[in-house]
Every structure is written in C-alpha cells, then in structure tokens.
Amino acid sequence: MNGGFEFAPYIYSAVSHRDCAVLRELLHAGADIQCKIADESTPIGSAINDHNPEAVRLLLAAGASPRYSSSWTAADQAQQLGYGDLLPIIEPCLTSIPGSKLKLAAGVDGDSPG
C-alpha cells in the first residue's frame, strides 16, 4: 500500500454519495485523508462542499487537516458557502493561524504542509 492513495477515488465517491459506512471502512483501511484530486481538493474540502456534516466529523476525527494554506481553512470554506452549521464541528479542531480569522488543528505544526 502506498500510504492509502489507491483509495482516493473511493473516498471522494463515499463523501459525494453520503456513504459514511464506506467512508469509515476506507479510513479504517488506511485511506489517505489528505489525498488531492485533479482540482487540488481534499476529502475534507469535498465534504464541506457537499454539506456533509457526518463526513466532516469522520475525516477530522481521522486526522484530516482543516488547514488548506496559511490563511485559508475548512472553517473559512464553510463560512463562505453559508454552512455555518459546520463550524461547531470544525472549530474545536482549530487553533490560531497567523493571517486567518479562524483557527488551525491543535497540535499541528502551522508551518507544515496541509
């Protein structure tokens, strides 16, 4: 297995089809939760775009980074899309990021790639 990347298409499919049972299985099997597809999106970004709170919870619990860059987070994305109901799920995983109104996952080095 190469870090769970081979599961990438299945993670995105599970998120878009709201199949959290399959998503759980993929996460348990070691799927790469930071994998990016052609448009550079990550599974957490797709879950937010699809307004899928359960997938957001599962991905964050599995260690998905809510930080996309030094100034853009999953919480910023949810706010921009008008999905304020996702903020209580995302914000507990955050701590201050310079340049962002919101926060970054506690215990994650703010200088490491997301």
Protein backbone atom coordinates (compact mmCIF):
# COMPACT_ATOMS: atom_id res chain seq x y z
CA MET A 1 0.00 0.00 0.00
CA ASN A 2 1.36 3.45 -0.87
CA GLY A 3 0.05 5.49 2.03
CA GLY A 4 -3.60 4.82 1.20
CA PHE A 5 -3.54 6.81 -2.05
CA GLU A 6 -5.11 3.96 -4.01
CA PHE A 7 -8.30 4.60 -2.03
CA ALA A 8 -8.53 8.26 -3.18
CA PRO A 9 -11.31 7.85 -5.78
CA TYR A 10 -13.32 5.81 -3.29
CA ILE A 11 -13.02 8.41 -0.54
CA TYR A 12 -14.38 11.11 -2.83
CA SER A 13 -17.15 8.79 -4.02
CA ALA A 14 -18.14 7.89 -0.45
CA VAL A 15 -18.25 11.58 0.51
CA SER A 16 -20.27 12.66 -2.54
CA HIS A 17 -22.71 9.75 -2.15
CA ARG A 18 -23.01 10.40 1.59
CA ASP A 19 -22.00 6.83 2.27
CA CYS A 20 -20.35 7.25 5.66
CA ALA A 21 -20.32 3.48 6.29
CA VAL A 22 -17.98 3.07 3.30
CA LEU A 23 -16.02 6.16 4.36
CA ARG A 24 -15.48 4.61 7.81
CA GLU A 25 -14.24 1.39 6.21
CA LEU A 26 -11.84 3.29 3.95
CA LEU A 27 -10.49 5.29 6.89
CA HIS A 28 -10.09 2.09 8.90
CA ALA A 29 -8.20 0.53 5.93
CA GLY A 30 -5.71 3.40 5.95
CA ALA A 31 -7.04 5.65 3.20
CA ASP A 32 -5.01 8.83 2.65
CA ILE A 33 -7.20 11.58 4.13
CA GLN A 34 -5.03 14.32 2.64
CA CYS A 35 -5.07 12.96 -0.93
CA LYS A 36 -5.80 15.52 -3.61
CA ILE A 37 -7.54 15.03 -6.91
CA ALA A 38 -7.05 16.94 -10.17
CA ASP A 39 -8.70 20.14 -8.92
CA GLU A 40 -6.45 20.06 -5.80
CA SER A 41 -9.40 19.46 -3.47
CA THR A 42 -9.07 17.25 -0.41
CA PRO A 43 -11.69 14.91 1.07
CA ILE A 44 -12.48 17.41 3.85
CA GLY A 45 -12.99 20.15 1.26
CA SER A 46 -15.31 17.90 -0.72
CA ALA A 47 -17.28 17.01 2.41
CA ILE A 48 -17.74 20.71 3.14
CA ASN A 49 -18.70 21.49 -0.48
CA ASP A 50 -21.27 18.68 -0.31
CA HIS A 51 -22.51 19.97 3.08
CA ASN A 52 -21.92 16.55 4.64
CA PRO A 53 -21.53 17.04 8.43
CA GLU A 54 -21.04 13.35 9.21
CA ALA A 55 -18.21 13.03 6.67
CA VAL A 56 -16.62 16.23 8.04
CA ARG A 57 -16.71 14.72 11.55
CA LEU A 58 -15.26 11.40 10.40
CA LEU A 59 -12.45 12.98 8.39
CA LEU A 60 -11.46 15.38 11.17
CA ALA A 61 -11.55 12.56 13.73
CA ALA A 62 -9.26 10.55 11.41
CA GLY A 63 -6.77 13.43 11.35
CA ALA A 64 -7.69 15.38 8.21
CA SER A 65 -6.12 18.82 8.31
CA PRO A 66 -8.63 21.68 8.39
CA ARG A 67 -5.86 23.95 7.05
CA TYR A 68 -5.56 24.39 3.30
CA SER A 69 -2.96 27.17 3.44
CA SER A 70 -1.58 29.65 5.95
CA SER A 71 -4.67 31.83 5.51
CA TRP A 72 -7.46 29.50 4.36
CA THR A 73 -9.15 26.81 6.46
CA ALA A 74 -12.06 24.41 6.30
CA ALA A 75 -13.93 26.82 8.56
CA ASP A 76 -13.31 29.68 6.11
CA GLN A 77 -14.68 27.49 3.32
CA ALA A 78 -17.79 26.54 5.32
CA GLN A 79 -18.43 30.20 6.14
CA GLN A 80 -18.01 31.26 2.51
CA LEU A 81 -20.52 28.63 1.40
CA GLY A 82 -23.01 29.67 4.07
CA TYR A 83 -22.67 26.40 6.01
CA GLY A 84 -22.39 27.91 9.46
CA ASP A 85 -23.81 24.73 10.96
CA LEU A 86 -20.48 23.03 10.12
CA LEU A 87 -18.45 25.50 12.19
CA PRO A 88 -19.15 23.80 15.55
CA ILE A 89 -17.75 20.59 14.02
CA ILE A 90 -14.64 22.25 12.55
CA GLU A 91 -13.75 24.92 15.11
CA PRO A 92 -12.88 22.55 18.00
CA CYS A 93 -10.08 21.21 15.77
CA LEU A 94 -8.59 24.65 15.34
CA THR A 95 -6.01 26.89 16.99
CA SER A 96 -4.69 30.26 15.83
CA ILE A 97 -3.22 30.62 12.35
CA PRO A 98 -1.47 33.89 11.53
CA GLY A 99 -3.43 35.75 8.88
CA SER A 100 -6.64 33.81 9.42
CA LYS A 101 -9.74 34.90 11.31
CA LEU A 102 -10.23 31.30 12.30
CA LYS A 103 -8.04 28.57 13.72
CA LEU A 104 -5.83 25.55 12.94
CA ALA A 105 -5.93 22.00 14.37
CA ALA A 106 -4.42 21.82 17.83
CA GLY A 107 -1.12 20.02 17.86
CA VAL A 108 -0.49 20.51 14.13
CA ASP A 109 2.62 22.48 13.18
CA GLY A 110 1.37 25.60 11.39
CA ASP A 111 4.42 25.56 9.08
CA SER A 112 3.96 22.01 7.83
CA PRO A 113 2.11 21.38 4.56
CA GLY A 114 -1.59 20.61 4.84
